[in-house]
Amino acid sequence: GYRVQIHFGNARQKAQDIKTECESMFPNIPAYLTYQAPNFKVRIGDCKTRWEAAKILEEVKNNFDVAFIVKDEIALPKL
């Protein structure tokens, strides 16, 4: 699937702050903080298609100007 990456950097606290800020601004979009040495990444959404991710990108790009779409393993909805 796809997600929108809104931050990456080597400061854990800054990444956590950005994740928290995103969750408060967009409570309907799941946010994930991951660590891939040496960077922390904040990615949002669980999109099956690139088109779904593009809709999220359009929604958040004014708040997170470095946002871009990435291919990622996503959480599938529970039945």
C-alpha atoms as a PDB file:
ATOM      1  CA  GLY A   1       0.000   0.000   0.000  1.00  0.00           C
ATOM      2  CA  TYR A   2       0.927   3.649   0.347  1.00  0.00           C
ATOM      3  CA  ARG A   3       1.434   6.255   3.039  1.00  0.00           C
ATOM      4  CA  VAL A   4       2.335   9.935   3.054  1.00  0.00           C
ATOM      5  CA  GLN A   5       5.638  10.731   4.742  1.00  0.00           C
ATOM      6  CA  ILE A   6       5.466  14.096   6.505  1.00  0.00           C
ATOM      7  CA  HIS A   7       8.793  14.107   8.376  1.00  0.00           C
ATOM      8  CA  PHE A   8      12.138  12.405   8.717  1.00  0.00           C
ATOM      9  CA  GLY A   9      15.123  13.307  10.835  1.00  0.00           C
ATOM     10  CA  ASN A  10      17.387  12.051  13.597  1.00  0.00           C
ATOM     11  CA  ALA A  11      15.638  13.794  16.528  1.00  0.00           C
ATOM     12  CA  ARG A  12      13.124  11.446  18.174  1.00  0.00           C
ATOM     13  CA  GLN A  13      11.357  14.175  20.173  1.00  0.00           C
ATOM     14  CA  LYS A  14      10.817  16.370  17.098  1.00  0.00           C
ATOM     15  CA  ALA A  15       9.367  13.401  15.201  1.00  0.00           C
ATOM     16  CA  GLN A  16       7.071  12.592  18.146  1.00  0.00           C
ATOM     17  CA  ASP A  17       5.944  16.240  18.314  1.00  0.00           C
ATOM     18  CA  ILE A  18       5.126  16.266  14.596  1.00  0.00           C
ATOM     19  CA  LYS A  19       3.183  12.994  14.910  1.00  0.00           C
ATOM     20  CA  THR A  20       1.180  14.421  17.831  1.00  0.00           C
ATOM     21  CA  GLU A  21       0.529  17.669  15.939  1.00  0.00           C
ATOM     22  CA  CYS A  22      -0.681  15.733  12.888  1.00  0.00           C
ATOM     23  CA  GLU A  23      -2.966  13.534  15.004  1.00  0.00           C
ATOM     24  CA  SER A  24      -4.611  16.601  16.510  1.00  0.00           C
ATOM     25  CA  MET A  25      -5.043  18.372  13.139  1.00  0.00           C
ATOM     26  CA  PHE A  26      -6.177  15.250  11.247  1.00  0.00           C
ATOM     27  CA  PRO A  27      -7.722  12.845  13.786  1.00  0.00           C
ATOM     28  CA  ASN A  28      -9.252  10.715  11.010  1.00  0.00           C
ATOM     29  CA  ILE A  29      -5.841   9.828   9.501  1.00  0.00           C
ATOM     30  CA  PRO A  30      -3.700   7.259  11.357  1.00  0.00           C
ATOM     31  CA  ALA A  31      -0.098   8.369  12.029  1.00  0.00           C
ATOM     32  CA  TYR A  32       2.944   6.160  12.517  1.00  0.00           C
ATOM     33  CA  LEU A  33       6.399   6.879  13.925  1.00  0.00           C
ATOM     34  CA  THR A  34       9.119   4.471  12.810  1.00  0.00           C
ATOM     35  CA  TYR A  35      12.865   4.318  13.234  1.00  0.00           C
ATOM     36  CA  GLN A  36      15.134   3.366  10.359  1.00  0.00           C
ATOM     37  CA  ALA A  37      18.716   4.114  11.374  1.00  0.00           C
ATOM     38  CA  PRO A  38      19.665   6.900  11.626  1.00  0.00           C
ATOM     39  CA  ASN A  39      16.279   8.578  11.035  1.00  0.00           C
ATOM     40  CA  PHE A  40      12.848   8.711  12.604  1.00  0.00           C
ATOM     41  CA  LYS A  41      10.027   8.854  10.064  1.00  0.00           C
ATOM     42  CA  VAL A  42       6.468  10.045  10.490  1.00  0.00           C
ATOM     43  CA  ARG A  43       4.092   8.562   7.946  1.00  0.00           C
ATOM     44  CA  ILE A  44       0.331   8.857   7.780  1.00  0.00           C
ATOM     45  CA  GLY A  45      -2.526   6.932   6.223  1.00  0.00           C
ATOM     46  CA  ASP A  46      -3.235   3.327   5.276  1.00  0.00           C
ATOM     47  CA  CYS A  47      -3.932   3.625   1.540  1.00  0.00           C
ATOM     48  CA  LYS A  48      -4.434   0.681  -0.781  1.00  0.00           C
ATOM     49  CA  THR A  49      -3.907   2.853  -3.870  1.00  0.00           C
ATOM     50  CA  ARG A  50      -1.636   5.734  -4.811  1.00  0.00           C
ATOM     51  CA  TRP A  51      -4.807   7.715  -5.624  1.00  0.00           C
ATOM     52  CA  GLU A  52      -6.001   7.434  -1.991  1.00  0.00           C
ATOM     53  CA  ALA A  53      -2.567   8.601  -0.802  1.00  0.00           C
ATOM     54  CA  ALA A  54      -2.704  11.546  -3.209  1.00  0.00           C
ATOM     55  CA  LYS A  55      -5.976  12.678  -1.575  1.00  0.00           C
ATOM     56  CA  ILE A  56      -4.299  12.642   1.854  1.00  0.00           C
ATOM     57  CA  LEU A  57      -1.250  14.464   0.467  1.00  0.00           C
ATOM     58  CA  GLU A  58      -3.518  17.182  -0.941  1.00  0.00           C
ATOM     59  CA  GLU A  59      -5.215  17.515   2.455  1.00  0.00           C
ATOM     60  CA  VAL A  60      -2.016  17.856   4.505  1.00  0.00           C
ATOM     61  CA  LYS A  61       0.512  19.523   2.189  1.00  0.00           C
ATOM     62  CA  ASN A  62      -0.252  23.049   3.419  1.00  0.00           C
ATOM     63  CA  ASN A  63       0.696  21.976   6.967  1.00  0.00           C
ATOM     64  CA  PHE A  64       3.598  19.680   6.058  1.00  0.00           C
ATOM     65  CA  ASP A  65       5.379  21.113   3.028  1.00  0.00           C
ATOM     66  CA  VAL A  66       7.919  18.277   2.777  1.00  0.00           C
ATOM     67  CA  ALA A  67       5.181  15.619   2.487  1.00  0.00           C
ATOM     68  CA  PHE A  68       5.401  13.010  -0.260  1.00  0.00           C
ATOM     69  CA  ILE A  69       3.891   9.615  -1.102  1.00  0.00           C
ATOM     70  CA  VAL A  70       5.824   6.439  -0.261  1.00  0.00           C
ATOM     71  CA  LYS A  71       5.158   2.768  -0.851  1.00  0.00           C
ATOM     72  CA  ASP A  72       4.834   1.044   2.535  1.00  0.00           C
ATOM     73  CA  GLU A  73       3.302  -1.906   4.321  1.00  0.00           C
ATOM     74  CA  ILE A  74      -0.075  -0.773   5.597  1.00  0.00           C
ATOM     75  CA  ALA A  75      -2.507  -1.925   8.265  1.00  0.00           C
ATOM     76  CA  LEU A  76      -5.476  -3.543   6.588  1.00  0.00           C
ATOM     77  CA  PRO A  77      -8.918  -2.721   7.970  1.00  0.00           C
ATOM     78  CA  LYS A  78     -10.321  -5.232  10.452  1.00  0.00           C
ATOM     79  CA  LEU A  79     -13.449  -7.053   9.286  1.00  0.00           C
END
